[in-house]
C-alpha atoms as a PDB file:
ATOM      1  CA  MET A   1      52.031  79.299 118.199  1.00  0.00           C
ATOM      2  CA  ASP A   2      53.865  77.181 116.493  1.00  0.00           C
ATOM      3  CA  VAL A   3      57.514  77.479 117.771  1.00  0.00           C
ATOM      4  CA  LEU A   4      59.044  77.159 114.243  1.00  0.00           C
ATOM      5  CA  GLN A   5      56.857  80.139 113.469  1.00  0.00           C
ATOM      6  CA  ALA A   6      57.666  82.130 116.505  1.00  0.00           C
ATOM      7  CA  ILE A   7      62.001  81.686 115.366  1.00  0.00           C
ATOM      8  CA  GLN A   8      61.179  82.596 111.800  1.00  0.00           C
ATOM      9  CA  ASP A   9      59.369  85.560 113.062  1.00  0.00           C
ATOM     10  CA  ARG A  10      60.523  87.036 115.823  1.00  0.00           C
ATOM     11  CA  ARG A  11      62.597  91.051 114.942  1.00  0.00           C
ATOM     12  CA  SER A  12      64.366  93.128 117.183  1.00  0.00           C
ATOM     13  CA  ILE A  13      61.752  95.260 117.497  1.00  0.00           C
ATOM     14  CA  ARG A  14      62.865  99.303 119.105  1.00  0.00           C
ATOM     15  CA  LYS A  15      59.943 100.993 118.685  1.00  0.00           C
ATOM     16  CA  TYR A  16      56.802 100.079 120.633  1.00  0.00           C
ATOM     17  CA  GLN A  17      52.545 101.237 121.750  1.00  0.00           C
ATOM     18  CA  ASP A  18      52.911 102.663 124.774  1.00  0.00           C
ATOM     19  CA  THR A  19      49.610  99.993 125.456  1.00  0.00           C
ATOM     20  CA  PRO A  20      51.668  98.314 128.788  1.00  0.00           C
ATOM     21  CA  VAL A  21      52.056  94.694 128.990  1.00  0.00           C
ATOM     22  CA  GLU A  22      48.858  92.641 130.715  1.00  0.00           C
ATOM     23  CA  HIS A  23      50.561  90.772 134.346  1.00  0.00           C
ATOM     24  CA  GLN A  24      49.805  87.502 133.537  1.00  0.00           C
ATOM     25  CA  LYS A  25      51.370  87.636 129.588  1.00  0.00           C
ATOM     26  CA  ILE A  26      54.928  89.209 131.402  1.00  0.00           C
ATOM     27  CA  GLU A  27      54.668  85.873 134.360  1.00  0.00           C
ATOM     28  CA  GLN A  28      54.151  83.764 131.203  1.00  0.00           C
ATOM     29  CA  VAL A  29      57.779  85.029 129.397  1.00  0.00           C
ATOM     30  CA  LEU A  30      58.833  84.978 132.615  1.00  0.00           C
ATOM     31  CA  ASP A  31      58.050  81.580 133.322  1.00  0.00           C
ATOM     32  CA  ALA A  32      59.388  80.323 130.141  1.00  0.00           C
ATOM     33  CA  ALA A  33      62.782  81.820 130.410  1.00  0.00           C
ATOM     34  CA  ARG A  34      62.137  79.569 134.026  1.00  0.00           C
ATOM     35  CA  LEU A  35      61.922  76.422 132.200  1.00  0.00           C
ATOM     36  CA  ALA A  36      65.334  76.527 130.002  1.00  0.00           C
ATOM     37  CA  PRO A  37      67.963  74.248 130.225  1.00  0.00           C
ATOM     38  CA  SER A  38      71.021  74.680 132.398  1.00  0.00           C
ATOM     39  CA  TRP A  39      74.371  73.627 133.300  1.00  0.00           C
ATOM     40  CA  LYS A  40      73.727  71.336 136.231  1.00  0.00           C
ATOM     41  CA  ASN A  41      70.061  72.361 136.028  1.00  0.00           C
ATOM     42  CA  LEU A  42      71.686  75.090 138.486  1.00  0.00           C
ATOM     43  CA  GLN A  43      69.169  78.065 136.981  1.00  0.00           C
ATOM     44  CA  CYS A  44      71.436  80.957 137.863  1.00  0.00           C
ATOM     45  CA  TRP A  45      68.917  83.769 135.439  1.00  0.00           C
ATOM     46  CA  ARG A  46      67.257  85.781 137.580  1.00  0.00           C
ATOM     47  CA  PHE A  47      64.778  88.663 136.206  1.00  0.00           C
ATOM     48  CA  LEU A  48      64.215  92.459 136.907  1.00  0.00           C
ATOM     49  CA  VAL A  49      61.134  93.317 136.501  1.00  0.00           C
ATOM     50  CA  LEU A  50      60.622  97.381 135.939  1.00  0.00           C
ATOM     51  CA  THR A  51      57.248  98.446 134.572  1.00  0.00           C
ATOM     52  CA  ALA A  52      56.488 101.703 136.647  1.00  0.00           C
ATOM     53  CA  PRO A  53      58.535 105.003 134.263  1.00  0.00           C
ATOM     54  CA  ALA A  54      60.373 105.865 137.631  1.00  0.00           C
ATOM     55  CA  ARG A  55      62.274 102.577 137.709  1.00  0.00           C
ATOM     56  CA  ARG A  56      62.418 102.281 133.414  1.00  0.00           C
ATOM     57  CA  GLY A  57      64.027 106.241 132.953  1.00  0.00           C
ATOM     58  CA  VAL A  58      66.860 105.362 134.923  1.00  0.00           C
ATOM     59  CA  LEU A  59      68.216 102.734 132.740  1.00  0.00           C
ATOM     60  CA  VAL A  60      68.373 105.521 129.987  1.00  0.00           C
ATOM     61  CA  GLU A  61      71.098 106.948 131.064  1.00  0.00           C
ATOM     62  CA  ALA A  62      73.376 103.772 131.393  1.00  0.00           C
ATOM     63  CA  PHE A  63      73.113 103.305 127.327  1.00  0.00           C
ATOM     64  CA  PRO A  64      75.222 104.967 125.062  1.00  0.00           C
ATOM     65  CA  ASP A  65      73.839 107.701 122.996  1.00  0.00           C
ATOM     66  CA  ASP A  66      74.835 105.771 119.102  1.00  0.00           C
ATOM     67  CA  ASN A  67      73.284 102.951 120.500  1.00  0.00           C
ATOM     68  CA  PRO A  68      69.961 102.185 118.163  1.00  0.00           C
ATOM     69  CA  GLY A  69      67.854 101.039 120.727  1.00  0.00           C
ATOM     70  CA  LYS A  70      68.319 103.789 123.814  1.00  0.00           C
ATOM     71  CA  LYS A  71      65.116 104.866 122.041  1.00  0.00           C
ATOM     72  CA  ALA A  72      63.620 101.676 122.912  1.00  0.00           C
ATOM     73  CA  ILE A  73      64.172 101.836 126.243  1.00  0.00           C
ATOM     74  CA  ALA A  74      62.404 105.175 127.080  1.00  0.00           C
ATOM     75  CA  THR A  75      60.255 104.041 126.392  1.00  0.00           C
ATOM     76  CA  ALA A  76      58.530 100.344 126.238  1.00  0.00           C
ATOM     77  CA  PRO A  77      55.877  99.774 128.873  1.00  0.00           C
ATOM     78  CA  CYS A  78      57.703  97.066 130.291  1.00  0.00           C
ATOM     79  CA  LEU A  79      61.949  95.922 130.232  1.00  0.00           C
ATOM     80  CA  ILE A  80      62.994  92.713 131.407  1.00  0.00           C
ATOM     81  CA  VAL A  81      66.938  93.252 133.056  1.00  0.00           C
ATOM     82  CA  VAL A  82      67.990  89.766 132.292  1.00  0.00           C
ATOM     83  CA  CYS A  83      70.367  88.417 135.542  1.00  0.00           C
ATOM     84  CA  ALA A  84      73.341  85.054 136.602  1.00  0.00           C
ATOM     85  CA  ASP A  85      74.727  85.318 139.630  1.00  0.00           C
ATOM     86  CA  PRO A  86      77.723  83.667 138.288  1.00  0.00           C
ATOM     87  CA  ALA A  87      78.007  81.189 141.578  1.00  0.00           C
ATOM     88  CA  GLU A  88      75.184  78.708 139.960  1.00  0.00           C
ATOM     89  CA  SER A  89      76.871  78.306 137.882  1.00  0.00           C
ATOM     90  CA  GLY A  90      80.297  76.188 136.355  1.00  0.00           C
ATOM     91  CA  VAL A  91      83.882  76.515 134.041  1.00  0.00           C
ATOM     92  CA  GLU A  92      84.428  74.098 132.131  1.00  0.00           C
ATOM     93  CA  ASN A  93      86.994  74.535 129.294  1.00  0.00           C
ATOM     94  CA  GLY A  94      87.423  78.004 130.358  1.00  0.00           C
ATOM     95  CA  ILE A  95      83.772  78.032 128.759  1.00  0.00           C
ATOM     96  CA  GLU A  96      81.224  79.953 131.543  1.00  0.00           C
ATOM     97  CA  TYR A  97      77.994  78.614 131.397  1.00  0.00           C
ATOM     98  CA  TYR A  98      76.333  82.034 133.232  1.00  0.00           C
ATOM     99  CA  ILE A  99      75.796  82.727 129.879  1.00  0.00           C
ATOM    100  CA  ALA A 100      75.121  80.612 127.827  1.00  0.00           C
ATOM    101  CA  ASP A 101      72.199  79.464 130.319  1.00  0.00           C
ATOM    102  CA  THR A 102      71.263  83.135 130.343  1.00  0.00           C
ATOM    103  CA  ALA A 103      71.232  82.848 126.671  1.00  0.00           C
ATOM    104  CA  ILE A 104      68.981  80.032 126.999  1.00  0.00           C
ATOM    105  CA  ALA A 105      67.043  81.743 129.163  1.00  0.00           C
ATOM    106  CA  PHE A 106      66.588  84.848 127.613  1.00  0.00           C
ATOM    107  CA  GLU A 107      66.580  83.429 123.955  1.00  0.00           C
ATOM    108  CA  HIS A 108      63.227  81.387 125.232  1.00  0.00           C
ATOM    109  CA  LEU A 109      61.752  84.702 126.755  1.00  0.00           C
ATOM    110  CA  CYS A 110      61.704  86.537 123.350  1.00  0.00           C
ATOM    111  CA  LEU A 111      60.191  83.948 121.756  1.00  0.00           C
ATOM    112  CA  ALA A 112      57.186  83.531 124.464  1.00  0.00           C
ATOM    113  CA  ALA A 113      57.208  86.870 123.771  1.00  0.00           C
ATOM    114  CA  GLN A 114      56.657  86.929 119.951  1.00  0.00           C
ATOM    115  CA  GLY A 115      54.399  83.779 119.449  1.00  0.00           C
ATOM    116  CA  LEU A 116      52.276  86.542 122.997  1.00  0.00           C
ATOM    117  CA  GLY A 117      51.694  89.604 120.400  1.00  0.00           C
ATOM    118  CA  LEU A 118      54.636  91.041 122.083  1.00  0.00           C
ATOM    119  CA  GLY A 119      58.125  92.321 121.208  1.00  0.00           C
ATOM    120  CA  THR A 120      61.639  92.385 122.545  1.00  0.00           C
ATOM    121  CA  CYS A 121      64.539  93.710 121.554  1.00  0.00           C
ATOM    122  CA  TRP A 122      68.247  91.626 122.950  1.00  0.00           C
ATOM    123  CA  MET A 123      70.533  95.325 124.581  1.00  0.00           C
ATOM    124  CA  GLY A 124      74.194  93.864 125.413  1.00  0.00           C
ATOM    125  CA  TRP A 125      75.800  98.306 125.419  1.00  0.00           C
ATOM    126  CA  PHE A 126      75.359  99.130 127.937  1.00  0.00           C
ATOM    127  CA  ASP A 127      77.166 100.754 131.212  1.00  0.00           C
ATOM    128  CA  GLU A 128      76.740  97.614 134.052  1.00  0.00           C
ATOM    129  CA  GLU A 129      77.672  99.199 137.004  1.00  0.00           C
ATOM    130  CA  ARG A 130      75.828 102.210 136.368  1.00  0.00           C
ATOM    131  CA  ILE A 131      72.206  99.821 135.795  1.00  0.00           C
ATOM    132  CA  LYS A 132      73.832  97.866 138.803  1.00  0.00           C
ATOM    133  CA  ASP A 133      73.735 101.034 141.041  1.00  0.00           C
ATOM    134  CA  ALA A 134      70.686 102.053 139.996  1.00  0.00           C
ATOM    135  CA  LEU A 135      68.515  99.120 140.355  1.00  0.00           C
ATOM    136  CA  GLY A 136      70.259  97.905 143.679  1.00  0.00           C
ATOM    137  CA  ILE A 137      72.050  94.899 141.993  1.00  0.00           C
ATOM    138  CA  PRO A 138      74.013  92.771 143.958  1.00  0.00           C
ATOM    139  CA  ALA A 139      77.886  93.044 143.578  1.00  0.00           C
ATOM    140  CA  GLY A 140      77.838  89.007 142.946  1.00  0.00           C
ATOM    141  CA  ILE A 141      75.253  89.205 140.054  1.00  0.00           C
ATOM    142  CA  LYS A 142      75.675  90.144 136.085  1.00  0.00           C
ATOM    143  CA  VAL A 143      74.099  92.106 134.146  1.00  0.00           C
ATOM    144  CA  VAL A 144      73.857  90.159 130.861  1.00  0.00           C
ATOM    145  CA  GLY A 145      71.311  91.824 128.870  1.00  0.00           C
ATOM    146  CA  ILE A 146      68.463  94.118 129.308  1.00  0.00           C
ATOM    147  CA  THR A 147      64.583  93.896 126.645  1.00  0.00           C
ATOM    148  CA  PRO A 148      61.957  95.909 126.197  1.00  0.00           C
ATOM    149  CA  LEU A 149      58.735  93.577 126.100  1.00  0.00           C
ATOM    150  CA  GLY A 150      55.894  95.663 125.089  1.00  0.00           C
ATOM    151  CA  TYR A 151      53.250  95.826 121.535  1.00  0.00           C
ATOM    152  CA  PRO A 152      55.275  96.729 118.071  1.00  0.00           C
ATOM    153  CA  ASP A 153      55.163  99.741 116.669  1.00  0.00           C
ATOM    154  CA  GLN A 154      57.246  98.946 113.619  1.00  0.00           C
ATOM    155  CA  GLU A 155      57.245  95.493 111.130  1.00  0.00           C
ATOM    156  CA  PRO A 156      61.152  95.108 110.773  1.00  0.00           C
ATOM    157  CA  LYS A 157      61.915  92.410 107.831  1.00  0.00           C
ATOM    158  CA  GLN A 158      64.667  90.207 108.444  1.00  0.00           C
ATOM    159  CA  ARG A 159      68.287  90.958 108.606  1.00  0.00           C
ATOM    160  CA  PRO A 160      70.723  88.999 106.154  1.00  0.00           C
ATOM    161  CA  ARG A 161      71.346  85.184 107.481  1.00  0.00           C
ATOM    162  CA  LYS A 162      74.017  83.685 105.545  1.00  0.00           C
ATOM    163  CA  GLU A 163      73.644  80.344 103.650  1.00  0.00           C
ATOM    164  CA  LEU A 164      73.030  77.204 105.594  1.00  0.00           C
ATOM    165  CA  ARG A 165      76.241  76.402 103.743  1.00  0.00           C
ATOM    166  CA  GLU A 166      78.035  78.041 105.006  1.00  0.00           C
ATOM    167  CA  ILE A 167      77.893  77.330 109.318  1.00  0.00           C
ATOM    168  CA  ALA A 168      77.086  73.443 108.436  1.00  0.00           C
ATOM    169  CA  PHE A 169      79.231  70.770 108.155  1.00  0.00           C
ATOM    170  CA  ALA A 170      78.734  67.094 107.645  1.00  0.00           C
ATOM    171  CA  GLU A 171      80.847  64.269 109.297  1.00  0.00           C
ATOM    172  CA  ALA A 172      84.200  66.814 109.654  1.00  0.00           C
ATOM    173  CA  TRP A 173      85.002  70.186 109.689  1.00  0.00           C
ATOM    174  CA  GLY A 174      84.219  72.102 106.261  1.00  0.00           C
ATOM    175  CA  GLY A 175      82.505  68.209 105.113  1.00  0.00           C
ATOM    176  CA  ALA A 176      79.938  70.112 102.746  1.00  0.00           C
ATOM    177  CA  TRP A 177      76.804  70.453 104.206  1.00  0.00           C
END
């Protein structure tokens, strides 16, 4: 699949078929994430893959009941916990680059999944300490996000996006694009 097509077609999927995701496809999305650029090429990201129902089930209670993706956490055949080691990144101009680096890798993962016919949903509203305790994630590691991964059982429409003229400028801030 063309990358621009994958970007245009990608949607947040919150309902999945119960079909297991093939190990090869999981490895392909992880490999796409691995190839992301990072600050000083330090590659601070880490990925914890959960496919066993009991392992996936421990995460459900870390999500608030009013989180619209909680059901996906409970039912998706695969979950990927996307983490970062801030000690393997840097801070410049007050920006902690582990967040940006890991976000880029996470998006690579989501686009690769789209290209393979799989769905994802970036989830970030959770109790990080509960997740770390349940999964044995070390103290210095940050949980940046979690995504269910599986075959979509829905086809959501694209949500509204701002017009390019509202977010892009030419030559100077506020210059009409």
